[in-house]
Amino acid sequence: MDFGTYQQEPMTGTHASGYEGLSGAAGLARLRRPHEEANVDLACQLADAAVQALLDEADLTPKPALVDRRGRGAHADLDLSVMRRSACSLRPGFTAMAHAAASSPSNRHLRETLGRIGREAEQTMLTVTDGSNAHRGAIWVVGLLVAGTARVRERSADVIAAEAAGIARHRDRFVPAVVSNGQHVSRRYGVRGARGEAEDGFPHVVSVALPALRAARCEGRSEDAARLDALLSIMASLDDTCLLHRGGIEALSVAKRGASEVMAAGGSGTSAGLRRLAALDADLLTRNASPGGAADLLAAALFLDHIERDDRLSIPVQPRSR
């Protein structure tokens, strides 16, 4: 998913700020004053959770036309090792986002600070992937949820998503004047796209993916099957700009219909569902189209799931959101 917000850009001139370079270890060391120790510790925990969510999404197999343990999917320039390098390279950026959000009100300044950090993280990603876009969308969607968690210091997915949406609604005056693939597709097809998903409070994460994940677990499915069902549930309803960009309306229709058929057959944890999933994978591969937007939102769901369930985090335990 191309969120059209974190575009490649040198971090110089008017785009520089007191947070430039914060994604490095030296930048965080400068922040370690006694009264900020708790913020830094939480920021590191949230960054670890964000990176783990990206690693878990990449490793999940078999995903339709996406990079996984079987191979490249529909991505000639990516493989699992590249995805892992990319995810790990984002840890300093996510840490910096969390620290910035923990010590700032939700306003345009915070939004612009997160944008600057995000563009710097994207540069790092492009360096370690030799120019391939492995996680541009995830920097935006997961980064916002990291920031939302740091702001509210609660475990409720609903509360975190609402806070992140509030941040997303602020405009960043320093976004480079480049129309991204996602923005172009959103305008062409009249879909909300990734920015709309964030501004609306991540409905495909909170109201689609997480309920599917929980339901599959309650039915005794394996963790991989539960996560695949969450991905397929997103695909069945999301106007995925990655699919639209690479294959147009036809590819999007194939993905939605195929994902719905897998779920109607019992989900990825059944033999019938796996047969449907294999057919969907083959169909999307022939079209060279992949549901990258759904993959980003699955990573977001896995991040929030971790926040809700991991009692080692420095966040008070709250009743789980319904």
C-alpha atoms as a PDB file:
ATOM      1  CA  MET A   1       0.000   0.000   0.000  1.00  0.00           C
ATOM      2  CA  ASP A   2       1.353   3.385  -0.960  1.00  0.00           C
ATOM      3  CA  PHE A   3       0.176   5.922   1.613  1.00  0.00           C
ATOM      4  CA  GLY A   4       1.461   8.832  -0.437  1.00  0.00           C
ATOM      5  CA  THR A   5       2.791  10.596   2.639  1.00  0.00           C
ATOM      6  CA  TYR A   6       6.289   9.333   3.297  1.00  0.00           C
ATOM      7  CA  GLN A   7       8.013  10.079   0.004  1.00  0.00           C
ATOM      8  CA  GLN A   8      11.730   9.762  -0.569  1.00  0.00           C
ATOM      9  CA  GLU A   9      13.308  13.096   0.294  1.00  0.00           C
ATOM     10  CA  PRO A  10      16.660  14.408   1.578  1.00  0.00           C
ATOM     11  CA  MET A  11      16.391  15.513   5.195  1.00  0.00           C
ATOM     12  CA  THR A  12      17.789  18.982   4.765  1.00  0.00           C
ATOM     13  CA  GLY A  13      16.744  22.620   4.788  1.00  0.00           C
ATOM     14  CA  THR A  14      13.255  23.458   5.965  1.00  0.00           C
ATOM     15  CA  HIS A  15      12.482  19.767   6.445  1.00  0.00           C
ATOM     16  CA  ALA A  16      15.062  19.401   9.179  1.00  0.00           C
ATOM     17  CA  SER A  17      14.043  19.728  12.798  1.00  0.00           C
ATOM     18  CA  GLY A  18      15.162  18.925  16.278  1.00  0.00           C
ATOM     19  CA  TYR A  19      14.121  15.333  15.547  1.00  0.00           C
ATOM     20  CA  GLU A  20      16.322  14.928  12.476  1.00  0.00           C
ATOM     21  CA  GLY A  21      18.678  12.044  13.082  1.00  0.00           C
ATOM     22  CA  LEU A  22      16.635  10.940  16.083  1.00  0.00           C
ATOM     23  CA  SER A  23      16.229   7.510  14.538  1.00  0.00           C
ATOM     24  CA  GLY A  24      19.882   6.761  15.231  1.00  0.00           C
ATOM     25  CA  ALA A  25      21.188   5.313  18.474  1.00  0.00           C
ATOM     26  CA  ALA A  26      23.092   8.513  19.211  1.00  0.00           C
ATOM     27  CA  GLY A  27      19.875  10.519  18.843  1.00  0.00           C
ATOM     28  CA  LEU A  28      18.103   8.384  21.415  1.00  0.00           C
ATOM     29  CA  ALA A  29      21.077   8.542  23.738  1.00  0.00           C
ATOM     30  CA  ARG A  30      20.798  12.340  23.706  1.00  0.00           C
ATOM     31  CA  LEU A  31      17.182  11.965  24.842  1.00  0.00           C
ATOM     32  CA  ARG A  32      18.025   9.847  27.875  1.00  0.00           C
ATOM     33  CA  ARG A  33      17.582  12.374  30.619  1.00  0.00           C
ATOM     34  CA  PRO A  34      16.406  10.966  33.950  1.00  0.00           C
ATOM     35  CA  HIS A  35      12.810  12.198  33.601  1.00  0.00           C
ATOM     36  CA  GLU A  36      12.559  10.707  30.111  1.00  0.00           C
ATOM     37  CA  GLU A  37      13.734   7.185  30.928  1.00  0.00           C
ATOM     38  CA  ALA A  38      10.178   5.798  31.014  1.00  0.00           C
ATOM     39  CA  ASN A  39       9.332   7.335  27.642  1.00  0.00           C
ATOM     40  CA  VAL A  40      12.461   5.931  26.042  1.00  0.00           C
ATOM     41  CA  ASP A  41      11.861   2.454  27.481  1.00  0.00           C
ATOM     42  CA  LEU A  42       8.278   2.432  26.203  1.00  0.00           C
ATOM     43  CA  ALA A  43       9.413   3.762  22.812  1.00  0.00           C
ATOM     44  CA  CYS A  44      11.876   0.893  22.449  1.00  0.00           C
ATOM     45  CA  GLN A  45       9.212  -1.655  23.436  1.00  0.00           C
ATOM     46  CA  LEU A  46       6.758  -0.265  20.892  1.00  0.00           C
ATOM     47  CA  ALA A  47       9.383  -0.227  18.162  1.00  0.00           C
ATOM     48  CA  ASP A  48      10.241  -3.855  18.893  1.00  0.00           C
ATOM     49  CA  ALA A  49       6.554  -4.756  18.657  1.00  0.00           C
ATOM     50  CA  ALA A  50       6.199  -2.885  15.359  1.00  0.00           C
ATOM     51  CA  VAL A  51       9.204  -4.608  13.803  1.00  0.00           C
ATOM     52  CA  GLN A  52       8.004  -8.002  15.027  1.00  0.00           C
ATOM     53  CA  ALA A  53       4.608  -7.369  13.420  1.00  0.00           C
ATOM     54  CA  LEU A  54       6.306  -6.658  10.079  1.00  0.00           C
ATOM     55  CA  LEU A  55       8.462  -9.768  10.411  1.00  0.00           C
ATOM     56  CA  ASP A  56       5.439 -11.903  11.306  1.00  0.00           C
ATOM     57  CA  GLU A  57       3.483 -10.575   8.317  1.00  0.00           C
ATOM     58  CA  ALA A  58       6.374 -11.262   5.939  1.00  0.00           C
ATOM     59  CA  ASP A  59       6.928 -14.774   7.299  1.00  0.00           C
ATOM     60  CA  LEU A  60       3.258 -15.786   7.175  1.00  0.00           C
ATOM     61  CA  THR A  61       2.753 -18.520   4.553  1.00  0.00           C
ATOM     62  CA  PRO A  62       0.969 -19.138   2.189  1.00  0.00           C
ATOM     63  CA  LYS A  63      -0.178 -15.608   1.314  1.00  0.00           C
ATOM     64  CA  PRO A  64      -1.767 -14.904  -2.079  1.00  0.00           C
ATOM     65  CA  ALA A  65       0.781 -13.318  -4.473  1.00  0.00           C
ATOM     66  CA  LEU A  66       2.766 -11.804  -1.576  1.00  0.00           C
ATOM     67  CA  VAL A  67       6.337 -12.442  -0.487  1.00  0.00           C
ATOM     68  CA  ASP A  68       6.451 -15.346   1.969  1.00  0.00           C
ATOM     69  CA  ARG A  69       8.534 -18.415   2.788  1.00  0.00           C
ATOM     70  CA  ARG A  70       7.712 -19.918  -0.630  1.00  0.00           C
ATOM     71  CA  GLY A  71       9.160 -17.085  -2.694  1.00  0.00           C
ATOM     72  CA  ARG A  72       8.713 -13.614  -4.149  1.00  0.00           C
ATOM     73  CA  GLY A  73       5.017 -13.725  -4.990  1.00  0.00           C
ATOM     74  CA  ALA A  74       4.258 -11.062  -7.585  1.00  0.00           C
ATOM     75  CA  HIS A  75       7.283  -8.956  -6.542  1.00  0.00           C
ATOM     76  CA  ALA A  76      10.340  -9.415  -8.763  1.00  0.00           C
ATOM     77  CA  ASP A  77      12.433  -7.053  -6.628  1.00  0.00           C
ATOM     78  CA  LEU A  78      11.605  -8.518  -3.206  1.00  0.00           C
ATOM     79  CA  ASP A  79      12.122 -11.736  -1.282  1.00  0.00           C
ATOM     80  CA  LEU A  80      11.856 -12.780   2.338  1.00  0.00           C
ATOM     81  CA  SER A  81      15.427 -11.790   3.203  1.00  0.00           C
ATOM     82  CA  VAL A  82      14.871  -8.304   1.774  1.00  0.00           C
ATOM     83  CA  MET A  83      11.620  -7.948   3.695  1.00  0.00           C
ATOM     84  CA  ARG A  84      13.355  -8.938   6.912  1.00  0.00           C
ATOM     85  CA  ARG A  85      16.216  -6.490   6.366  1.00  0.00           C
ATOM     86  CA  SER A  86      13.726  -3.753   5.617  1.00  0.00           C
ATOM     87  CA  ALA A  87      11.653  -4.450   8.733  1.00  0.00           C
ATOM     88  CA  CYS A  88      14.671  -4.458  11.023  1.00  0.00           C
ATOM     89  CA  SER A  89      15.976  -1.224   9.506  1.00  0.00           C
ATOM     90  CA  LEU A  90      12.805   0.552  10.657  1.00  0.00           C
ATOM     91  CA  ARG A  91      13.322  -0.105  14.379  1.00  0.00           C
ATOM     92  CA  PRO A  92      15.155   3.221  15.043  1.00  0.00           C
ATOM     93  CA  GLY A  93      12.498   5.164  13.132  1.00  0.00           C
ATOM     94  CA  PHE A  94       9.624   3.573  15.036  1.00  0.00           C
ATOM     95  CA  THR A  95      11.470   4.249  18.292  1.00  0.00           C
ATOM     96  CA  ALA A  96      11.837   7.910  17.392  1.00  0.00           C
ATOM     97  CA  MET A  97       8.162   8.166  16.427  1.00  0.00           C
ATOM     98  CA  ALA A  98       7.064   6.685  19.734  1.00  0.00           C
ATOM     99  CA  HIS A  99       9.292   9.003  21.748  1.00  0.00           C
ATOM    100  CA  ALA A 100       8.135  12.059  19.816  1.00  0.00           C
ATOM    101  CA  ALA A 101       4.479  11.157  20.347  1.00  0.00           C
ATOM    102  CA  ALA A 102       4.924  10.372  24.043  1.00  0.00           C
ATOM    103  CA  SER A 103       6.233  13.852  24.738  1.00  0.00           C
ATOM    104  CA  SER A 104       4.045  15.947  22.427  1.00  0.00           C
ATOM    105  CA  PRO A 105       0.366  16.873  22.119  1.00  0.00           C
ATOM    106  CA  SER A 106      -1.553  15.628  19.108  1.00  0.00           C
ATOM    107  CA  ASN A 107      -1.269  18.552  16.745  1.00  0.00           C
ATOM    108  CA  ARG A 108       0.161  19.543  13.392  1.00  0.00           C
ATOM    109  CA  HIS A 109       3.656  19.838  14.827  1.00  0.00           C
ATOM    110  CA  LEU A 110       3.556  16.190  15.919  1.00  0.00           C
ATOM    111  CA  ARG A 111       2.177  15.140  12.537  1.00  0.00           C
ATOM    112  CA  GLU A 112       5.000  16.960  10.772  1.00  0.00           C
ATOM    113  CA  THR A 113       7.585  15.549  13.153  1.00  0.00           C
ATOM    114  CA  LEU A 114       6.357  12.033  12.462  1.00  0.00           C
ATOM    115  CA  GLY A 115       6.478  12.811   8.751  1.00  0.00           C
ATOM    116  CA  ARG A 116      10.103  13.896   8.948  1.00  0.00           C
ATOM    117  CA  ILE A 117      11.057  10.801  10.917  1.00  0.00           C
ATOM    118  CA  GLY A 118       9.094   8.638   8.495  1.00  0.00           C
ATOM    119  CA  ARG A 119      10.852  10.063   5.451  1.00  0.00           C
ATOM    120  CA  GLU A 120      14.181   9.421   7.114  1.00  0.00           C
ATOM    121  CA  ALA A 121      13.126   5.840   7.896  1.00  0.00           C
ATOM    122  CA  GLU A 122      12.117   5.393   4.271  1.00  0.00           C
ATOM    123  CA  GLN A 123      15.559   6.487   3.130  1.00  0.00           C
ATOM    124  CA  THR A 124      17.073   3.871   5.414  1.00  0.00           C
ATOM    125  CA  MET A 125      14.697   1.227   4.062  1.00  0.00           C
ATOM    126  CA  LEU A 126      15.596   2.063   0.463  1.00  0.00           C
ATOM    127  CA  THR A 127      19.273   1.814   1.312  1.00  0.00           C
ATOM    128  CA  VAL A 128      19.064  -1.665   2.837  1.00  0.00           C
ATOM    129  CA  THR A 129      16.768  -2.953   0.057  1.00  0.00           C
ATOM    130  CA  ASP A 130      18.825  -1.489  -2.811  1.00  0.00           C
ATOM    131  CA  GLY A 131      15.966   0.816  -3.743  1.00  0.00           C
ATOM    132  CA  SER A 132      13.031  -1.578  -3.423  1.00  0.00           C
ATOM    133  CA  ASN A 133       9.850  -0.418  -1.712  1.00  0.00           C
ATOM    134  CA  ALA A 134       9.356  -3.108   0.894  1.00  0.00           C
ATOM    135  CA  HIS A 135       7.535  -1.176   3.638  1.00  0.00           C
ATOM    136  CA  ARG A 136       6.693   2.380   2.557  1.00  0.00           C
ATOM    137  CA  GLY A 137       3.052   1.888   3.432  1.00  0.00           C
ATOM    138  CA  ALA A 138       3.849   0.202   6.717  1.00  0.00           C
ATOM    139  CA  ILE A 139       5.980   3.140   7.807  1.00  0.00           C
ATOM    140  CA  TRP A 140       2.822   5.234   7.662  1.00  0.00           C
ATOM    141  CA  VAL A 141       0.187   2.857   9.002  1.00  0.00           C
ATOM    142  CA  VAL A 142       2.220   1.087  11.681  1.00  0.00           C
ATOM    143  CA  GLY A 143       4.100   4.282  12.515  1.00  0.00           C
ATOM    144  CA  LEU A 144       0.841   6.092  13.252  1.00  0.00           C
ATOM    145  CA  LEU A 145      -0.319   3.280  15.518  1.00  0.00           C
ATOM    146  CA  VAL A 146       3.032   3.277  17.323  1.00  0.00           C
ATOM    147  CA  ALA A 147       2.596   7.011  17.867  1.00  0.00           C
ATOM    148  CA  GLY A 148      -1.021   6.554  18.967  1.00  0.00           C
ATOM    149  CA  THR A 149      -0.018   3.916  21.509  1.00  0.00           C
ATOM    150  CA  ALA A 150       2.725   6.124  22.906  1.00  0.00           C
ATOM    151  CA  ARG A 151       0.262   9.006  23.237  1.00  0.00           C
ATOM    152  CA  VAL A 152      -2.590   7.210  25.022  1.00  0.00           C
ATOM    153  CA  ARG A 153      -0.570   4.564  26.916  1.00  0.00           C
ATOM    154  CA  GLU A 154      -3.483   2.162  26.733  1.00  0.00           C
ATOM    155  CA  ARG A 155      -3.838  -1.325  25.270  1.00  0.00           C
ATOM    156  CA  SER A 156      -7.272  -0.897  23.680  1.00  0.00           C
ATOM    157  CA  ALA A 157      -7.049  -1.196  19.879  1.00  0.00           C
ATOM    158  CA  ASP A 158     -10.075   1.073  19.501  1.00  0.00           C
ATOM    159  CA  VAL A 159      -8.548   3.818  21.640  1.00  0.00           C
ATOM    160  CA  ILE A 160      -5.152   3.573  19.929  1.00  0.00           C
ATOM    161  CA  ALA A 161      -6.670   3.644  16.439  1.00  0.00           C
ATOM    162  CA  ALA A 162      -8.799   6.666  17.293  1.00  0.00           C
ATOM    163  CA  GLU A 163      -5.749   8.530  18.588  1.00  0.00           C
ATOM    164  CA  ALA A 164      -3.718   7.619  15.504  1.00  0.00           C
ATOM    165  CA  ALA A 165      -6.576   8.793  13.282  1.00  0.00           C
ATOM    166  CA  GLY A 166      -6.574  12.152  15.018  1.00  0.00           C
ATOM    167  CA  ILE A 167      -2.874  12.539  14.283  1.00  0.00           C
ATOM    168  CA  ALA A 168      -3.379  11.500  10.651  1.00  0.00           C
ATOM    169  CA  ARG A 169      -6.032  14.174  10.082  1.00  0.00           C
ATOM    170  CA  HIS A 170      -3.501  16.948  10.630  1.00  0.00           C
ATOM    171  CA  ARG A 171      -1.824  18.151   7.440  1.00  0.00           C
ATOM    172  CA  ASP A 172       1.933  17.998   6.958  1.00  0.00           C
ATOM    173  CA  ARG A 173       3.108  21.179   5.239  1.00  0.00           C
ATOM    174  CA  PHE A 174       6.405  19.564   4.295  1.00  0.00           C
ATOM    175  CA  VAL A 175       5.184  16.557   2.317  1.00  0.00           C
ATOM    176  CA  PRO A 176       7.060  16.599  -1.012  1.00  0.00           C
ATOM    177  CA  ALA A 177       4.892  17.687  -3.926  1.00  0.00           C
ATOM    178  CA  VAL A 178       4.969  14.263  -5.578  1.00  0.00           C
ATOM    179  CA  VAL A 179       1.816  12.316  -6.402  1.00  0.00           C
ATOM    180  CA  SER A 180       2.366   8.767  -5.182  1.00  0.00           C
ATOM    181  CA  ASN A 181       1.005   5.653  -6.862  1.00  0.00           C
ATOM    182  CA  GLY A 182      -1.540   5.299  -4.100  1.00  0.00           C
ATOM    183  CA  GLN A 183      -2.744   8.882  -4.427  1.00  0.00           C
ATOM    184  CA  HIS A 184      -2.980   8.558  -8.206  1.00  0.00           C
ATOM    185  CA  VAL A 185      -5.031   5.377  -7.907  1.00  0.00           C
ATOM    186  CA  SER A 186      -7.279   6.895  -5.232  1.00  0.00           C
ATOM    187  CA  ARG A 187      -8.096   9.813  -7.497  1.00  0.00           C
ATOM    188  CA  ARG A 188      -8.567   7.684 -10.599  1.00  0.00           C
ATOM    189  CA  TYR A 189     -10.893   5.129  -9.019  1.00  0.00           C
ATOM    190  CA  GLY A 190     -12.483   7.303  -6.344  1.00  0.00           C
ATOM    191  CA  VAL A 191     -11.401   5.121  -3.420  1.00  0.00           C
ATOM    192  CA  ARG A 192     -10.396   6.265   0.052  1.00  0.00           C
ATOM    193  CA  GLY A 193      -6.936   4.762  -0.059  1.00  0.00           C
ATOM    194  CA  ALA A 194      -4.490   4.536   2.782  1.00  0.00           C
ATOM    195  CA  ARG A 195      -4.853   8.095   3.963  1.00  0.00           C
ATOM    196  CA  GLY A 196      -8.603   7.619   4.221  1.00  0.00           C
ATOM    197  CA  GLU A 197      -8.117   4.343   6.095  1.00  0.00           C
ATOM    198  CA  ALA A 198      -5.987   6.128   8.673  1.00  0.00           C
ATOM    199  CA  GLU A 199      -8.222   9.184   8.975  1.00  0.00           C
ATOM    200  CA  ASP A 200     -11.276   6.947   9.391  1.00  0.00           C
ATOM    201  CA  GLY A 201      -9.695   5.173  12.373  1.00  0.00           C
ATOM    202  CA  PHE A 202      -8.344   2.047  10.629  1.00  0.00           C
ATOM    203  CA  PRO A 203     -11.708   0.269  10.203  1.00  0.00           C
ATOM    204  CA  HIS A 204     -10.184  -2.677   8.318  1.00  0.00           C
ATOM    205  CA  VAL A 205      -7.824  -3.236  11.227  1.00  0.00           C
ATOM    206  CA  VAL A 206     -10.128  -2.689  14.191  1.00  0.00           C
ATOM    207  CA  SER A 207     -13.445  -3.912  12.782  1.00  0.00           C
ATOM    208  CA  VAL A 208     -12.311  -6.550  10.268  1.00  0.00           C
ATOM    209  CA  ALA A 209      -8.850  -8.026  10.887  1.00  0.00           C
ATOM    210  CA  LEU A 210      -8.794  -8.175  14.683  1.00  0.00           C
ATOM    211  CA  PRO A 211     -12.279  -9.752  15.001  1.00  0.00           C
ATOM    212  CA  ALA A 212     -11.316 -12.348  12.370  1.00  0.00           C
ATOM    213  CA  LEU A 213      -8.088 -13.100  14.195  1.00  0.00           C
ATOM    214  CA  ARG A 214      -9.852 -13.552  17.516  1.00  0.00           C
ATOM    215  CA  ALA A 215     -12.656 -15.630  16.025  1.00  0.00           C
ATOM    216  CA  ALA A 216     -10.230 -18.047  14.366  1.00  0.00           C
ATOM    217  CA  ARG A 217      -8.342 -18.499  17.626  1.00  0.00           C
ATOM    218  CA  CYS A 218     -11.578 -19.169  19.481  1.00  0.00           C
ATOM    219  CA  GLU A 219     -12.369 -21.872  16.916  1.00  0.00           C
ATOM    220  CA  GLY A 220      -9.059 -23.548  17.687  1.00  0.00           C
ATOM    221  CA  ARG A 221      -7.313 -22.637  14.435  1.00  0.00           C
ATOM    222  CA  SER A 222      -3.535 -22.538  14.310  1.00  0.00           C
ATOM    223  CA  GLU A 223      -1.933 -19.124  14.700  1.00  0.00           C
ATOM    224  CA  ASP A 224      -0.916 -19.082  11.035  1.00  0.00           C
ATOM    225  CA  ALA A 225      -4.460 -19.940   9.960  1.00  0.00           C
ATOM    226  CA  ALA A 226      -5.874 -17.227  12.222  1.00  0.00           C
ATOM    227  CA  ARG A 227      -3.532 -14.646  10.722  1.00  0.00           C
ATOM    228  CA  LEU A 228      -4.265 -15.781   7.173  1.00  0.00           C
ATOM    229  CA  ASP A 229      -7.982 -15.492   7.858  1.00  0.00           C
ATOM    230  CA  ALA A 230      -7.412 -11.963   9.134  1.00  0.00           C
ATOM    231  CA  LEU A 231      -5.568 -11.108   5.900  1.00  0.00           C
ATOM    232  CA  LEU A 232      -8.298 -12.659   3.748  1.00  0.00           C
ATOM    233  CA  SER A 233     -10.990 -10.815   5.673  1.00  0.00           C
ATOM    234  CA  ILE A 234      -9.242  -7.542   4.887  1.00  0.00           C
ATOM    235  CA  MET A 235      -8.839  -8.493   1.232  1.00  0.00           C
ATOM    236  CA  ALA A 236     -12.526  -9.342   0.900  1.00  0.00           C
ATOM    237  CA  SER A 237     -13.583  -5.752   1.556  1.00  0.00           C
ATOM    238  CA  LEU A 238     -10.584  -3.430   1.088  1.00  0.00           C
ATOM    239  CA  ASP A 239     -10.274  -1.247  -2.018  1.00  0.00           C
ATOM    240  CA  ASP A 240      -6.576  -2.080  -2.129  1.00  0.00           C
ATOM    241  CA  THR A 241      -4.685   0.596  -4.054  1.00  0.00           C
ATOM    242  CA  CYS A 242      -1.787  -1.792  -4.675  1.00  0.00           C
ATOM    243  CA  LEU A 243      -4.089  -4.162  -6.543  1.00  0.00           C
ATOM    244  CA  LEU A 244      -5.679  -1.278  -8.409  1.00  0.00           C
ATOM    245  CA  HIS A 245      -2.289   0.104  -9.388  1.00  0.00           C
ATOM    246  CA  ARG A 246      -0.961  -3.190 -10.689  1.00  0.00           C
ATOM    247  CA  GLY A 247      -4.083  -4.815 -12.114  1.00  0.00           C
ATOM    248  CA  GLY A 248      -6.940  -2.348 -12.177  1.00  0.00           C
ATOM    249  CA  ILE A 249     -10.540  -3.042 -11.209  1.00  0.00           C
ATOM    250  CA  GLU A 250     -10.364  -6.593 -12.540  1.00  0.00           C
ATOM    251  CA  ALA A 251      -7.525  -7.581 -10.208  1.00  0.00           C
ATOM    252  CA  LEU A 252      -9.280  -5.975  -7.251  1.00  0.00           C
ATOM    253  CA  SER A 253     -12.491  -7.848  -8.069  1.00  0.00           C
ATOM    254  CA  VAL A 254     -10.612 -11.141  -8.384  1.00  0.00           C
ATOM    255  CA  ALA A 255      -8.938 -10.586  -5.008  1.00  0.00           C
ATOM    256  CA  LYS A 256     -12.149  -9.634  -3.208  1.00  0.00           C
ATOM    257  CA  ARG A 257     -14.117 -12.507  -4.673  1.00  0.00           C
ATOM    258  CA  GLY A 258     -11.356 -15.046  -4.131  1.00  0.00           C
ATOM    259  CA  ALA A 259     -10.787 -14.014  -0.517  1.00  0.00           C
ATOM    260  CA  SER A 260     -14.519 -14.231   0.168  1.00  0.00           C
ATOM    261  CA  GLU A 261     -14.605 -17.717  -1.345  1.00  0.00           C
ATOM    262  CA  VAL A 262     -11.771 -18.900   0.904  1.00  0.00           C
ATOM    263  CA  MET A 263     -13.596 -17.663   3.972  1.00  0.00           C
ATOM    264  CA  ALA A 264     -16.916 -19.136   2.788  1.00  0.00           C
ATOM    265  CA  ALA A 265     -15.178 -22.494   2.370  1.00  0.00           C
ATOM    266  CA  GLY A 266     -14.188 -22.460   6.031  1.00  0.00           C
ATOM    267  CA  GLY A 267     -11.082 -20.308   5.978  1.00  0.00           C
ATOM    268  CA  SER A 268      -7.419 -21.125   5.520  1.00  0.00           C
ATOM    269  CA  GLY A 269      -7.527 -23.725   8.293  1.00  0.00           C
ATOM    270  CA  THR A 270      -9.614 -26.116   6.209  1.00  0.00           C
ATOM    271  CA  SER A 271      -8.718 -28.258   3.204  1.00  0.00           C
ATOM    272  CA  ALA A 272     -11.417 -26.638   1.084  1.00  0.00           C
ATOM    273  CA  GLY A 273     -10.265 -23.177   2.110  1.00  0.00           C
ATOM    274  CA  LEU A 274      -6.655 -23.959   1.275  1.00  0.00           C
ATOM    275  CA  ARG A 275      -7.671 -25.143  -2.189  1.00  0.00           C
ATOM    276  CA  ARG A 276      -9.481 -21.869  -2.760  1.00  0.00           C
ATOM    277  CA  LEU A 277      -6.484 -19.967  -1.431  1.00  0.00           C
ATOM    278  CA  ALA A 278      -4.149 -21.746  -3.860  1.00  0.00           C
ATOM    279  CA  ALA A 279      -6.470 -20.854  -6.750  1.00  0.00           C
ATOM    280  CA  LEU A 280      -6.538 -17.206  -5.654  1.00  0.00           C
ATOM    281  CA  ASP A 281      -2.751 -17.158  -5.397  1.00  0.00           C
ATOM    282  CA  ALA A 282      -2.398 -18.529  -8.929  1.00  0.00           C
ATOM    283  CA  ASP A 283      -4.954 -16.094 -10.350  1.00  0.00           C
ATOM    284  CA  LEU A 284      -3.265 -13.042  -8.846  1.00  0.00           C
ATOM    285  CA  LEU A 285       0.177 -14.226  -9.929  1.00  0.00           C
ATOM    286  CA  THR A 286      -0.967 -14.463 -13.548  1.00  0.00           C
ATOM    287  CA  ARG A 287      -2.038 -10.827 -13.256  1.00  0.00           C
ATOM    288  CA  ASN A 288       1.205  -9.817 -11.518  1.00  0.00           C
ATOM    289  CA  ALA A 289      -0.921  -8.173  -8.835  1.00  0.00           C
ATOM    290  CA  SER A 290      -0.555  -8.451  -5.081  1.00  0.00           C
ATOM    291  CA  PRO A 291      -2.623  -7.190  -2.131  1.00  0.00           C
ATOM    292  CA  GLY A 292       0.123  -5.062  -0.600  1.00  0.00           C
ATOM    293  CA  GLY A 293      -2.332  -2.734   1.104  1.00  0.00           C
ATOM    294  CA  ALA A 294      -4.000  -5.638   2.886  1.00  0.00           C
ATOM    295  CA  ALA A 295      -0.579  -6.896   3.972  1.00  0.00           C
ATOM    296  CA  ASP A 296       0.222  -3.521   5.560  1.00  0.00           C
ATOM    297  CA  LEU A 297      -3.073  -3.561   7.430  1.00  0.00           C
ATOM    298  CA  LEU A 298      -2.468  -7.126   8.608  1.00  0.00           C
ATOM    299  CA  ALA A 299       0.853  -5.951  10.069  1.00  0.00           C
ATOM    300  CA  ALA A 300      -1.037  -3.133  11.779  1.00  0.00           C
ATOM    301  CA  ALA A 301      -3.492  -5.654  13.229  1.00  0.00           C
ATOM    302  CA  LEU A 302      -0.664  -7.875  14.469  1.00  0.00           C
ATOM    303  CA  PHE A 303       0.922  -4.851  16.140  1.00  0.00           C
ATOM    304  CA  LEU A 304      -2.291  -3.941  17.973  1.00  0.00           C
ATOM    305  CA  ASP A 305      -2.881  -7.581  18.868  1.00  0.00           C
ATOM    306  CA  HIS A 306       0.563  -7.651  20.464  1.00  0.00           C
ATOM    307  CA  ILE A 307      -0.140  -4.456  22.400  1.00  0.00           C
ATOM    308  CA  GLU A 308      -3.378  -5.884  23.760  1.00  0.00           C
ATOM    309  CA  ARG A 309      -1.919  -9.259  24.734  1.00  0.00           C
ATOM    310  CA  ASP A 310       1.679  -8.725  25.897  1.00  0.00           C
ATOM    311  CA  ASP A 311       1.708  -8.051  29.639  1.00  0.00           C
ATOM    312  CA  ARG A 312       5.446  -7.273  29.556  1.00  0.00           C
ATOM    313  CA  LEU A 313       4.804  -3.851  28.029  1.00  0.00           C
ATOM    314  CA  SER A 314       5.077  -0.779  30.237  1.00  0.00           C
ATOM    315  CA  ILE A 315       1.372  -0.048  29.750  1.00  0.00           C
ATOM    316  CA  PRO A 316      -1.378  -0.759  32.280  1.00  0.00           C
ATOM    317  CA  VAL A 317      -3.530  -3.745  31.349  1.00  0.00           C
ATOM    318  CA  GLN A 318      -6.959  -2.641  30.067  1.00  0.00           C
ATOM    319  CA  PRO A 319     -10.043  -4.698  29.241  1.00  0.00           C
ATOM    320  CA  ARG A 320      -9.718  -5.934  25.665  1.00  0.00           C
ATOM    321  CA  SER A 321     -11.667  -3.962  23.073  1.00  0.00           C
ATOM    322  CA  ARG A 322     -14.638  -5.737  21.553  1.00  0.00           C
END
